[in-house]
N, C-alpha and C. Protein backbone atom coordinates (compact mmCIF):
# COMPACT_ATOMS: atom_id res chain seq x y z
N MET A 1 29.01 38.90 12.15
CA MET A 1 27.72 38.73 12.78
C MET A 1 26.94 37.67 12.00
N THR A 2 25.97 37.07 12.65
CA THR A 2 25.32 35.90 12.05
C THR A 2 23.80 36.01 12.09
N LEU A 3 23.18 35.54 11.02
CA LEU A 3 21.73 35.39 10.96
C LEU A 3 21.45 33.93 11.30
N PHE A 4 20.85 33.70 12.45
CA PHE A 4 20.49 32.35 12.87
C PHE A 4 19.01 32.13 12.55
N ILE A 5 18.71 31.08 11.83
CA ILE A 5 17.33 30.69 11.54
C ILE A 5 17.03 29.50 12.43
N ILE A 6 16.13 29.68 13.37
CA ILE A 6 15.81 28.63 14.33
C ILE A 6 14.54 27.94 13.87
N THR A 7 14.67 26.64 13.61
CA THR A 7 13.56 25.86 13.09
C THR A 7 13.20 24.74 14.06
N GLY A 8 12.00 24.19 13.86
CA GLY A 8 11.59 23.04 14.65
C GLY A 8 10.12 23.08 14.98
N PRO A 9 9.60 21.96 15.43
CA PRO A 9 8.17 21.86 15.74
C PRO A 9 7.80 22.65 16.99
N PRO A 10 6.50 22.84 17.22
CA PRO A 10 6.07 23.46 18.46
C PRO A 10 6.65 22.71 19.66
N CYS A 11 7.00 23.45 20.68
CA CYS A 11 7.49 22.91 21.96
C CYS A 11 8.89 22.32 21.86
N SER A 12 9.65 22.67 20.82
CA SER A 12 11.00 22.13 20.68
C SER A 12 12.05 23.05 21.31
N GLY A 13 11.65 24.22 21.77
CA GLY A 13 12.58 25.11 22.46
C GLY A 13 13.15 26.23 21.63
N LYS A 14 12.46 26.62 20.57
CA LYS A 14 12.97 27.67 19.68
C LYS A 14 13.10 29.01 20.42
N SER A 15 12.05 29.43 21.11
CA SER A 15 12.10 30.69 21.85
C SER A 15 13.13 30.62 22.97
N THR A 16 13.19 29.49 23.64
CA THR A 16 14.16 29.31 24.72
C THR A 16 15.58 29.40 24.19
N TYR A 17 15.82 28.82 23.02
CA TYR A 17 17.14 28.89 22.40
C TYR A 17 17.52 30.35 22.12
N ALA A 18 16.60 31.07 21.51
CA ALA A 18 16.88 32.48 21.19
C ALA A 18 17.15 33.28 22.46
N GLN A 19 16.34 33.09 23.49
CA GLN A 19 16.53 33.81 24.75
C GLN A 19 17.88 33.49 25.38
N ALA A 20 18.29 32.23 25.29
CA ALA A 20 19.54 31.80 25.91
C ALA A 20 20.77 32.34 25.17
N HIS A 21 20.65 32.57 23.88
CA HIS A 21 21.82 32.96 23.09
C HIS A 21 21.89 34.45 22.74
N ALA A 22 20.76 35.13 22.65
CA ALA A 22 20.76 36.54 22.26
C ALA A 22 21.33 37.41 23.38
N LYS A 23 22.10 38.39 22.96
CA LYS A 23 22.71 39.33 23.90
C LYS A 23 22.19 40.74 23.58
N PRO A 24 22.36 41.69 24.49
CA PRO A 24 21.94 43.06 24.20
C PRO A 24 22.52 43.53 22.85
N GLY A 25 21.67 44.11 22.04
CA GLY A 25 22.07 44.56 20.71
C GLY A 25 21.72 43.57 19.62
N ASP A 26 21.49 42.30 19.99
CA ASP A 26 21.05 41.31 19.02
C ASP A 26 19.56 41.49 18.77
N MET A 27 19.09 40.96 17.66
CA MET A 27 17.67 41.04 17.33
C MET A 27 17.08 39.63 17.39
N VAL A 28 15.85 39.55 17.92
CA VAL A 28 15.11 38.29 17.97
C VAL A 28 13.75 38.52 17.32
N ILE A 29 13.45 37.76 16.28
CA ILE A 29 12.15 37.83 15.63
C ILE A 29 11.42 36.54 15.98
N ASP A 30 10.41 36.67 16.82
CA ASP A 30 9.66 35.54 17.37
C ASP A 30 8.17 35.89 17.28
N LEU A 31 7.44 35.14 16.48
CA LEU A 31 6.01 35.42 16.27
C LEU A 31 5.25 35.53 17.59
N ASP A 32 5.53 34.65 18.52
CA ASP A 32 4.79 34.67 19.78
C ASP A 32 5.11 35.90 20.61
N ARG A 33 6.35 36.35 20.60
CA ARG A 33 6.70 37.59 21.31
C ARG A 33 6.04 38.79 20.64
N ILE A 34 5.99 38.78 19.32
CA ILE A 34 5.32 39.87 18.61
C ILE A 34 3.84 39.90 18.98
N ALA A 35 3.21 38.73 18.98
CA ALA A 35 1.78 38.65 19.34
C ALA A 35 1.55 39.17 20.75
N LEU A 36 2.40 38.79 21.68
CA LEU A 36 2.24 39.27 23.06
C LEU A 36 2.44 40.78 23.15
N SER A 37 3.27 41.33 22.27
CA SER A 37 3.51 42.77 22.32
C SER A 37 2.29 43.59 21.90
N ILE A 38 1.36 42.97 21.17
CA ILE A 38 0.16 43.70 20.75
C ILE A 38 -1.10 43.22 21.47
N ALA A 39 -0.94 42.22 22.34
CA ALA A 39 -2.07 41.72 23.12
C ALA A 39 -2.18 42.52 24.41
N ALA A 40 -3.31 42.40 25.06
CA ALA A 40 -3.51 43.07 26.34
C ALA A 40 -2.46 42.60 27.35
N GLU A 41 -2.11 43.50 28.26
CA GLU A 41 -1.16 43.14 29.32
C GLU A 41 -1.62 41.87 30.01
N ASN A 42 -0.68 41.08 30.45
CA ASN A 42 -0.94 39.84 31.19
C ASN A 42 -1.58 38.73 30.35
N THR A 43 -1.59 38.88 29.02
CA THR A 43 -2.07 37.79 28.17
C THR A 43 -1.09 36.64 28.28
N GLN A 44 -1.59 35.45 28.48
CA GLN A 44 -0.74 34.28 28.60
C GLN A 44 -0.13 33.91 27.25
N HIS A 45 1.08 33.39 27.31
CA HIS A 45 1.80 32.94 26.12
C HIS A 45 0.92 31.96 25.33
N HIS A 46 0.78 32.17 24.05
CA HIS A 46 0.02 31.32 23.12
C HIS A 46 -1.49 31.34 23.35
N SER A 47 -2.01 32.25 24.16
CA SER A 47 -3.45 32.22 24.42
C SER A 47 -4.14 33.50 23.95
N TYR A 48 -3.62 34.10 22.92
CA TYR A 48 -4.23 35.28 22.33
C TYR A 48 -5.14 34.82 21.18
N PRO A 49 -6.09 35.66 20.79
CA PRO A 49 -7.01 35.26 19.72
C PRO A 49 -6.33 35.22 18.34
N LEU A 50 -6.98 34.52 17.42
CA LEU A 50 -6.46 34.36 16.07
C LEU A 50 -6.23 35.71 15.39
N SER A 51 -7.07 36.69 15.65
CA SER A 51 -6.89 38.00 15.03
C SER A 51 -5.55 38.62 15.43
N ILE A 52 -5.14 38.43 16.67
CA ILE A 52 -3.84 38.94 17.11
C ILE A 52 -2.72 38.13 16.46
N ARG A 53 -2.88 36.82 16.39
CA ARG A 53 -1.86 35.98 15.76
C ARG A 53 -1.69 36.37 14.28
N ASN A 54 -2.79 36.61 13.58
CA ASN A 54 -2.70 36.99 12.17
C ASN A 54 -2.04 38.35 12.00
N THR A 55 -2.33 39.29 12.89
CA THR A 55 -1.68 40.60 12.83
C THR A 55 -0.19 40.45 13.12
N ALA A 56 0.14 39.61 14.09
CA ALA A 56 1.55 39.37 14.41
C ALA A 56 2.28 38.75 13.21
N ARG A 57 1.61 37.91 12.46
CA ARG A 57 2.23 37.32 11.26
C ARG A 57 2.58 38.42 10.25
N LEU A 58 1.69 39.38 10.07
CA LEU A 58 1.98 40.49 9.16
C LEU A 58 3.16 41.30 9.66
N MET A 59 3.20 41.55 10.96
CA MET A 59 4.30 42.31 11.55
C MET A 59 5.63 41.55 11.39
N ARG A 60 5.59 40.24 11.61
CA ARG A 60 6.79 39.41 11.46
C ARG A 60 7.29 39.46 10.03
N LYS A 61 6.37 39.33 9.08
CA LYS A 61 6.75 39.37 7.67
C LYS A 61 7.44 40.69 7.33
N ALA A 62 6.94 41.78 7.88
CA ALA A 62 7.54 43.09 7.63
C ALA A 62 8.91 43.22 8.32
N ALA A 63 9.10 42.51 9.42
CA ALA A 63 10.35 42.62 10.19
C ALA A 63 11.49 41.79 9.59
N ILE A 64 11.18 40.79 8.81
CA ILE A 64 12.23 39.88 8.32
C ILE A 64 13.29 40.60 7.49
N PRO A 65 12.95 41.47 6.52
CA PRO A 65 14.02 42.16 5.79
C PRO A 65 14.91 43.01 6.70
N ALA A 66 14.32 43.63 7.70
CA ALA A 66 15.12 44.42 8.65
C ALA A 66 16.03 43.50 9.45
N ALA A 67 15.53 42.34 9.80
CA ALA A 67 16.34 41.38 10.56
C ALA A 67 17.54 40.90 9.74
N VAL A 68 17.32 40.64 8.47
CA VAL A 68 18.42 40.21 7.60
C VAL A 68 19.48 41.31 7.53
N GLY A 69 19.04 42.55 7.39
CA GLY A 69 19.99 43.66 7.37
C GLY A 69 20.70 43.84 8.70
N HIS A 70 19.98 43.66 9.78
CA HIS A 70 20.55 43.81 11.13
C HIS A 70 21.66 42.78 11.36
N ALA A 71 21.55 41.62 10.74
CA ALA A 71 22.54 40.56 10.93
C ALA A 71 23.92 40.97 10.42
N ARG A 72 24.00 42.03 9.66
CA ARG A 72 25.30 42.54 9.21
C ARG A 72 26.02 43.29 10.33
N LYS A 73 25.23 43.70 11.37
CA LYS A 73 25.79 44.50 12.47
C LYS A 73 25.85 43.74 13.78
N ALA A 74 24.91 42.83 13.98
CA ALA A 74 24.82 42.08 15.23
C ALA A 74 24.13 40.76 14.95
N ASN A 75 24.27 39.82 15.83
CA ASN A 75 23.59 38.54 15.65
C ASN A 75 22.09 38.75 15.61
N THR A 76 21.44 37.98 14.77
CA THR A 76 19.99 38.03 14.62
C THR A 76 19.46 36.61 14.71
N TYR A 77 18.43 36.44 15.53
CA TYR A 77 17.79 35.14 15.74
C TYR A 77 16.38 35.24 15.18
N LEU A 78 16.13 34.51 14.13
CA LEU A 78 14.84 34.53 13.46
C LEU A 78 14.20 33.17 13.60
N ILE A 79 13.08 33.10 14.31
CA ILE A 79 12.37 31.84 14.47
C ILE A 79 11.45 31.67 13.27
N ASP A 80 11.73 30.62 12.52
CA ASP A 80 10.91 30.25 11.36
C ASP A 80 10.77 28.74 11.44
N SER A 81 9.70 28.30 12.06
CA SER A 81 9.52 26.89 12.40
C SER A 81 9.83 25.93 11.26
N LYS A 82 9.30 26.26 10.10
CA LYS A 82 9.45 25.36 8.95
C LYS A 82 9.54 26.20 7.68
N PRO A 83 10.69 26.80 7.43
CA PRO A 83 10.79 27.67 6.26
C PRO A 83 10.64 26.88 4.96
N GLY A 84 9.93 27.48 4.04
CA GLY A 84 9.76 26.88 2.72
C GLY A 84 11.00 27.06 1.87
N THR A 85 10.95 26.51 0.68
CA THR A 85 12.11 26.55 -0.23
C THR A 85 12.54 27.97 -0.52
N ARG A 86 11.59 28.85 -0.82
CA ARG A 86 11.93 30.25 -1.16
C ARG A 86 12.59 30.94 0.03
N SER A 87 12.02 30.78 1.21
CA SER A 87 12.61 31.40 2.41
C SER A 87 14.00 30.87 2.67
N ARG A 88 14.17 29.56 2.55
CA ARG A 88 15.50 28.97 2.76
C ARG A 88 16.52 29.56 1.79
N MET A 89 16.12 29.74 0.54
CA MET A 89 17.04 30.31 -0.45
C MET A 89 17.44 31.72 -0.05
N ILE A 90 16.47 32.51 0.38
CA ILE A 90 16.76 33.89 0.80
C ILE A 90 17.69 33.88 2.01
N TYR A 91 17.39 33.04 2.99
CA TYR A 91 18.22 32.96 4.18
C TYR A 91 19.65 32.53 3.82
N LYS A 92 19.77 31.49 3.00
CA LYS A 92 21.09 30.99 2.61
C LYS A 92 21.87 32.06 1.85
N LYS A 93 21.19 32.78 0.97
CA LYS A 93 21.83 33.86 0.20
C LYS A 93 22.42 34.91 1.14
N ASN A 94 21.82 35.05 2.32
CA ASN A 94 22.29 36.03 3.30
C ASN A 94 23.17 35.40 4.38
N GLY A 95 23.70 34.22 4.09
CA GLY A 95 24.68 33.60 4.97
C GLY A 95 24.13 33.02 6.26
N ALA A 96 22.87 32.67 6.27
CA ALA A 96 22.25 32.17 7.50
C ALA A 96 22.84 30.85 7.96
N VAL A 97 22.80 30.69 9.26
CA VAL A 97 23.12 29.42 9.90
C VAL A 97 21.80 28.87 10.42
N PHE A 98 21.47 27.66 10.01
CA PHE A 98 20.21 27.04 10.43
C PHE A 98 20.43 26.25 11.71
N VAL A 99 19.57 26.48 12.66
CA VAL A 99 19.60 25.77 13.93
C VAL A 99 18.29 24.99 14.02
N GLU A 100 18.38 23.68 13.82
CA GLU A 100 17.17 22.85 13.85
C GLU A 100 17.04 22.23 15.22
N LEU A 101 15.93 22.52 15.87
CA LEU A 101 15.67 21.96 17.19
C LEU A 101 14.54 20.95 17.10
N SER A 102 14.63 19.92 17.89
CA SER A 102 13.57 18.93 17.95
C SER A 102 13.72 18.13 19.23
N ALA A 103 12.85 17.20 19.39
CA ALA A 103 12.86 16.26 20.51
C ALA A 103 12.01 15.09 20.06
N PRO A 104 12.08 13.97 20.75
CA PRO A 104 11.19 12.87 20.39
C PRO A 104 9.73 13.32 20.43
N LEU A 105 8.93 12.76 19.53
CA LEU A 105 7.53 13.16 19.45
C LEU A 105 6.83 13.04 20.79
N ALA A 106 7.09 11.99 21.55
CA ALA A 106 6.44 11.81 22.86
C ALA A 106 6.77 12.98 23.79
N THR A 107 7.99 13.45 23.75
CA THR A 107 8.40 14.60 24.58
C THR A 107 7.68 15.86 24.15
N LEU A 108 7.61 16.09 22.84
CA LEU A 108 6.92 17.26 22.32
C LEU A 108 5.44 17.24 22.70
N ILE A 109 4.81 16.07 22.61
CA ILE A 109 3.40 15.95 22.97
C ILE A 109 3.21 16.25 24.46
N GLU A 110 4.09 15.74 25.29
CA GLU A 110 3.98 15.99 26.73
C GLU A 110 4.14 17.47 27.04
N ARG A 111 5.14 18.12 26.44
CA ARG A 111 5.34 19.56 26.64
C ARG A 111 4.12 20.32 26.17
N CYS A 112 3.60 19.93 25.02
CA CYS A 112 2.43 20.61 24.45
C CYS A 112 1.23 20.51 25.40
N ARG A 113 0.98 19.33 25.91
CA ARG A 113 -0.14 19.14 26.84
C ARG A 113 0.03 19.97 28.11
N ASN A 114 1.26 20.06 28.59
CA ASN A 114 1.52 20.74 29.87
C ASN A 114 1.68 22.25 29.75
N GLU A 115 2.10 22.73 28.57
CA GLU A 115 2.50 24.13 28.46
C GLU A 115 1.72 24.96 27.46
N ARG A 116 0.86 24.36 26.66
CA ARG A 116 0.22 25.09 25.58
C ARG A 116 -1.29 24.87 25.57
N PRO A 117 -2.03 25.82 24.97
CA PRO A 117 -3.46 25.60 24.80
C PRO A 117 -3.70 24.48 23.78
N PRO A 118 -4.90 23.90 23.76
CA PRO A 118 -5.18 22.73 22.91
C PRO A 118 -4.89 22.92 21.43
N TRP A 119 -5.09 24.11 20.87
CA TRP A 119 -4.89 24.29 19.44
C TRP A 119 -3.44 24.02 19.01
N VAL A 120 -2.49 24.17 19.93
CA VAL A 120 -1.09 23.96 19.57
C VAL A 120 -0.83 22.48 19.26
N MET A 121 -1.58 21.57 19.90
CA MET A 121 -1.41 20.15 19.62
C MET A 121 -1.74 19.86 18.16
N GLN A 122 -2.76 20.49 17.62
CA GLN A 122 -3.10 20.30 16.21
C GLN A 122 -1.96 20.79 15.32
N THR A 123 -1.38 21.92 15.68
CA THR A 123 -0.25 22.45 14.93
C THR A 123 0.93 21.49 14.99
N LEU A 124 1.19 20.97 16.17
CA LEU A 124 2.28 20.02 16.34
C LEU A 124 2.09 18.79 15.46
N MET A 125 0.91 18.22 15.48
CA MET A 125 0.67 17.00 14.70
C MET A 125 0.74 17.28 13.20
N ALA A 126 0.23 18.42 12.77
CA ALA A 126 0.32 18.79 11.35
C ALA A 126 1.78 19.02 10.95
N TRP A 127 2.53 19.67 11.81
CA TRP A 127 3.94 19.93 11.53
C TRP A 127 4.68 18.61 11.37
N TRP A 128 4.41 17.69 12.26
CA TRP A 128 5.12 16.41 12.27
C TRP A 128 4.81 15.60 11.01
N ASP A 129 3.61 15.72 10.47
CA ASP A 129 3.19 14.93 9.31
C ASP A 129 3.68 15.49 7.98
N GLU A 130 4.05 16.77 7.94
CA GLU A 130 4.46 17.39 6.68
C GLU A 130 5.95 17.17 6.44
N PRO A 131 6.34 16.90 5.20
CA PRO A 131 7.78 16.74 4.90
C PRO A 131 8.48 18.09 5.00
N ASP A 132 9.75 18.06 5.29
CA ASP A 132 10.53 19.30 5.31
C ASP A 132 11.90 19.07 4.71
N GLU A 133 12.67 20.14 4.62
CA GLU A 133 14.00 20.06 4.06
C GLU A 133 15.02 19.94 5.19
N LYS A 134 16.18 19.47 4.87
CA LYS A 134 17.22 19.32 5.87
C LYS A 134 17.91 20.66 6.10
N PRO A 135 18.24 20.98 7.34
CA PRO A 135 18.95 22.22 7.62
C PRO A 135 20.43 22.10 7.24
N THR A 136 21.13 23.23 7.23
CA THR A 136 22.54 23.19 6.92
C THR A 136 23.38 22.90 8.17
N ARG A 137 22.81 23.02 9.35
CA ARG A 137 23.54 22.78 10.58
C ARG A 137 22.54 22.36 11.65
N ARG A 138 22.89 21.38 12.47
CA ARG A 138 21.99 20.87 13.50
C ARG A 138 22.54 21.19 14.88
N HIS A 139 21.66 21.48 15.81
CA HIS A 139 21.99 21.63 17.23
C HIS A 139 21.08 20.75 18.03
N ALA A 140 21.57 20.22 19.14
CA ALA A 140 20.74 19.36 19.99
C ALA A 140 19.85 20.19 20.89
């Protein structure tokens, strides 16, 4: 079984990748899905308040050790847009396969404008400007 770490900027298809590959019994840790699980019914994707996003971050942080353990029994898909050095070390120690997703910046900007609330554009531009580490494996 495999621990997949899905990385990439906003609007690069991380959630879509996990949905397309996960099968019954697999685990998917996705901050946005967690946030929607604690938001009011019919809340639109990415349009919940910051208080819900912050609570979802705490829930995600608590779920990560369970996800790493679950990967010993079934595939686990953990979305971590831009893992830091410490997280990468922990993931690698647990045999993770990194799946880096991206697209040309113009495509990401267009998707962001069409599919996300305005605050996501700021996140996208900040993500793009910050340096990151190279993944161990790339997917298109």
